[in-house]
Protein backbone atom coordinates (compact mmCIF):
# COMPACT_ATOMS: atom_id res chain seq x y z
CA MET A 1 -7.86 14.09 20.04
CA SER A 2 -5.15 12.36 22.06
CA THR A 3 -1.53 12.49 21.01
CA ASP A 4 -1.39 8.68 20.94
CA PHE A 5 -4.39 8.54 18.58
CA GLU A 6 -2.83 11.22 16.36
CA GLN A 7 0.45 9.28 16.28
CA GLN A 8 -1.36 6.09 15.26
CA ILE A 9 -3.17 7.89 12.44
CA ILE A 10 0.11 9.40 11.18
CA GLU A 11 1.77 5.96 11.29
CA LEU A 12 -1.18 4.47 9.41
CA LEU A 13 -0.81 7.19 6.79
CA LEU A 14 2.95 6.61 6.49
CA HIS A 15 2.63 2.84 6.12
CA ALA A 16 -0.13 3.26 3.53
CA GLY A 17 2.00 5.74 1.59
CA SER A 18 4.96 3.37 1.67
CA ALA A 19 2.78 0.50 0.46
CA ARG A 20 1.53 2.60 -2.45
CA SER A 21 5.00 3.84 -3.41
CA SER A 22 6.56 0.38 -3.29
CA ALA A 23 3.79 -1.09 -5.45
CA LEU A 24 4.20 1.66 -8.05
CA MET A 25 7.98 1.19 -8.06
CA ALA A 26 7.46 -2.56 -8.47
CA LEU A 27 5.27 -1.91 -11.48
CA GLN A 28 7.98 0.27 -13.02
CA GLN A 29 10.60 -2.44 -12.41
CA ALA A 30 8.37 -5.05 -14.04
CA LYS A 31 7.86 -2.76 -17.02
CA GLU A 32 11.64 -2.68 -17.40
CA GLY A 33 11.83 -6.48 -17.10
CA ASN A 34 13.35 -6.50 -13.59
CA PHE A 35 11.01 -9.07 -12.08
CA GLN A 36 13.13 -10.00 -9.06
CA GLN A 37 13.24 -6.35 -8.03
CA ALA A 38 9.51 -6.05 -8.71
CA GLU A 39 8.82 -9.02 -6.44
CA ALA A 40 10.99 -7.55 -3.68
CA LEU A 41 9.18 -4.23 -3.92
CA MET A 42 5.79 -5.94 -3.83
CA GLU A 43 6.91 -7.77 -0.69
CA GLU A 44 7.88 -4.39 0.84
CA SER A 45 4.49 -3.08 -0.18
CA GLY A 46 2.79 -6.03 1.49
CA GLN A 47 4.79 -5.54 4.69
CA ALA A 48 3.77 -1.88 4.83
CA THR A 49 0.13 -2.83 4.28
CA ARG A 50 0.30 -5.41 7.06
CA ALA A 51 1.78 -2.80 9.42
CA ALA A 52 -1.03 -0.39 8.48
CA HIS A 53 -3.61 -3.12 9.08
CA VAL A 54 -2.27 -3.73 12.59
CA ILE A 55 -2.85 -0.06 13.40
CA GLN A 56 -6.23 -0.04 11.69
CA THR A 57 -7.36 -3.14 13.59
CA THR A 58 -6.21 -1.61 16.87
CA LEU A 59 -8.18 1.56 16.16
CA ILE A 60 -11.28 -0.42 15.17
CA GLY A 61 -11.01 -2.35 18.43
CA LEU A 62 -10.69 0.85 20.47
CA ASP A 63 -13.72 2.33 18.74
CA GLU A 64 -15.81 -0.82 19.33
CA GLY A 65 -18.15 0.28 16.55
CA CYS A 66 -19.60 2.90 18.89
CA GLY A 67 -17.99 6.09 17.63
CA LYS A 68 -15.61 6.31 20.59
CA LEU A 69 -12.80 7.65 18.39
CA PRO A 70 -13.04 11.00 16.62
CA ILE A 71 -13.46 10.93 12.88
CA ASN A 72 -11.80 13.89 11.24
CA LEU A 73 -10.23 14.73 7.92
CA ILE A 74 -6.81 13.21 8.72
CA THR A 75 -8.44 9.96 9.84
CA VAL A 76 -10.45 9.73 6.64
CA HIS A 77 -7.35 10.70 4.65
CA ALA A 78 -5.32 7.88 6.24
CA GLN A 79 -8.06 5.34 5.52
CA ASP A 80 -8.30 6.60 1.94
CA HIS A 81 -4.55 6.18 1.48
CA LEU A 82 -4.69 2.61 2.77
CA MET A 83 -7.56 1.65 0.49
CA ASN A 84 -5.84 3.25 -2.51
CA ALA A 85 -2.62 1.40 -1.71
CA MET A 86 -4.50 -1.89 -1.61
CA VAL A 87 -6.16 -1.21 -4.97
CA ILE A 88 -2.81 -0.27 -6.48
CA GLN A 89 -1.29 -3.49 -5.09
CA ASP A 90 -4.02 -5.57 -6.72
CA LEU A 91 -3.60 -3.82 -10.04
CA ALA A 92 0.21 -3.94 -9.84
CA ASN A 93 0.17 -7.69 -9.18
CA ASN A 94 -2.03 -8.25 -12.22
CA MET A 95 0.03 -5.95 -14.43
CA ILE A 96 3.29 -7.56 -13.31
CA ASP A 97 1.83 -10.91 -14.35
CA LEU A 98 1.00 -9.41 -17.74
CA TYR A 99 4.51 -7.96 -18.13
CA ARG A 100 5.95 -11.42 -17.45
CA ARG A 101 4.10 -12.69 -20.53
CA LEU A 102 5.64 -10.08 -22.82
CA PRO A 103 8.98 -10.58 -24.59
CA ALA A 104 11.97 -9.15 -22.70
CA PRO A 105 12.41 -5.39 -23.36
CA GLU A 106 15.66 -5.95 -25.35
CA CYS A 107 13.76 -8.34 -27.66
CA GLN A 108 11.01 -5.92 -28.55
CA THR A 109 11.08 -4.00 -31.79
CA VAL A 110 9.94 -0.42 -32.10
């Protein structure tokens, strides 16, 4: 496996991890009623996903659907992280919308 390919896989993994983390932090901010911060974190999450997609698209193009690139555990792991980040983003967006419909945290009774 070439060093350039390995570097691209690591970058894909890092961007996917950042996307996931930002989406989860956004969800926590929304839970606390900090919707501006939640939106900013979801934007960060989206930027990280877009960066990961650029790498993914490049790799798909290099492979040309012919198995030209090696598939190993780290490659599958990176793809898995990206897909999980995207699912978490979808769920976080929906949950943030739900949190917006709830009364502000200081207005809730225990």
